[in-house]
Amino acid sequence: MEIDFYDKSNRYDSNVSDHLNLICMQCGKIEDFEDLAPVSFEEIEKTTGFKTFDTRFEYHGYCKECKQKRR
């Protein structure tokens, strides 16, 4: 799966399971956090009628290494 960024080069994620992307704002590292999206596709369709096929969740912050460097 291609992950496109507005201000950086695109990256490719081989993990296509449901997960969250944790993106470091300093070094650009992307970590996977294995967890489900807050709202299921089924719940969205049941509530709104909108048929969802894909989602993209990103959390931006600092990885463990960069967080230690910032101290």
Protein backbone atom coordinates (compact mmCIF):
# COMPACT_ATOMS: atom_id res chain seq x y z
CA MET A 1 0.00 0.00 0.00
CA GLU A 2 1.39 3.41 -0.96
CA ILE A 3 1.38 6.11 1.71
CA ASP A 4 1.56 9.55 0.18
CA PHE A 5 2.73 12.63 2.01
CA TYR A 6 2.27 16.28 1.11
CA ASP A 7 5.80 17.37 1.97
CA LYS A 8 7.83 14.11 1.82
CA SER A 9 8.51 11.26 -0.55
CA ASN A 10 5.86 8.55 -0.74
CA ARG A 11 6.44 5.37 1.24
CA TYR A 12 5.18 1.84 0.79
CA ASP A 13 3.59 -0.15 3.61
CA SER A 14 3.60 -3.92 3.19
CA ASN A 15 1.31 -4.36 6.19
CA VAL A 16 -2.24 -4.29 4.81
CA SER A 17 -3.93 -5.44 8.02
CA ASP A 18 -5.92 -3.01 10.15
CA HIS A 19 -3.37 -0.90 11.99
CA LEU A 20 -2.46 2.66 12.85
CA ASN A 21 0.61 4.44 11.46
CA LEU A 22 2.79 6.28 13.98
CA ILE A 23 4.88 8.86 12.09
CA CYS A 24 7.85 10.59 13.68
CA MET A 25 7.92 14.30 12.83
CA GLN A 26 11.69 14.47 13.36
CA CYS A 27 13.25 11.44 11.63
CA GLY A 28 10.30 10.37 9.47
CA LYS A 29 10.22 6.80 10.79
CA ILE A 30 6.85 5.06 10.47
CA GLU A 31 5.88 2.47 13.06
CA ASP A 32 2.86 0.18 12.93
CA PHE A 33 0.57 0.00 15.93
CA GLU A 34 -1.64 -3.06 15.65
CA ASP A 35 -5.10 -1.92 16.59
CA LEU A 36 -8.45 -1.46 14.92
CA ALA A 37 -9.85 1.80 13.67
CA PRO A 38 -12.17 3.54 16.16
CA VAL A 39 -15.27 3.01 13.98
CA SER A 40 -15.94 -0.11 11.94
CA PHE A 41 -16.84 0.03 8.24
CA GLU A 42 -20.08 -1.74 9.09
CA GLU A 43 -21.08 0.91 11.64
CA ILE A 44 -20.43 3.71 9.13
CA GLU A 45 -22.54 2.01 6.47
CA LYS A 46 -25.31 1.14 8.94
CA THR A 47 -25.49 4.72 10.21
CA THR A 48 -24.93 6.72 7.01
CA GLY A 49 -25.32 4.36 4.06
CA PHE A 50 -21.75 5.22 2.99
CA LYS A 51 -19.87 2.13 1.76
CA THR A 52 -16.30 2.37 3.04
CA PHE A 53 -13.49 0.37 1.42
CA ASP A 54 -10.38 1.83 3.01
CA THR A 55 -9.23 4.08 5.83
CA ARG A 56 -5.99 5.74 6.78
CA PHE A 57 -5.18 6.72 10.34
CA GLU A 58 -1.97 8.50 11.16
CA TYR A 59 -0.65 9.66 14.47
CA HIS A 60 2.13 12.25 14.29
CA GLY A 61 4.63 12.77 17.09
CA TYR A 62 8.13 11.69 18.09
CA CYS A 63 9.51 8.14 18.13
CA LYS A 64 11.24 6.83 21.24
CA GLU A 65 14.73 7.73 19.99
CA CYS A 66 13.85 11.27 18.84
CA LYS A 67 11.87 11.92 22.03
CA GLN A 68 15.00 11.13 24.06
CA LYS A 69 17.13 13.41 21.86
CA ARG A 70 14.69 16.30 22.37
CA ARG A 71 15.11 16.22 26.18
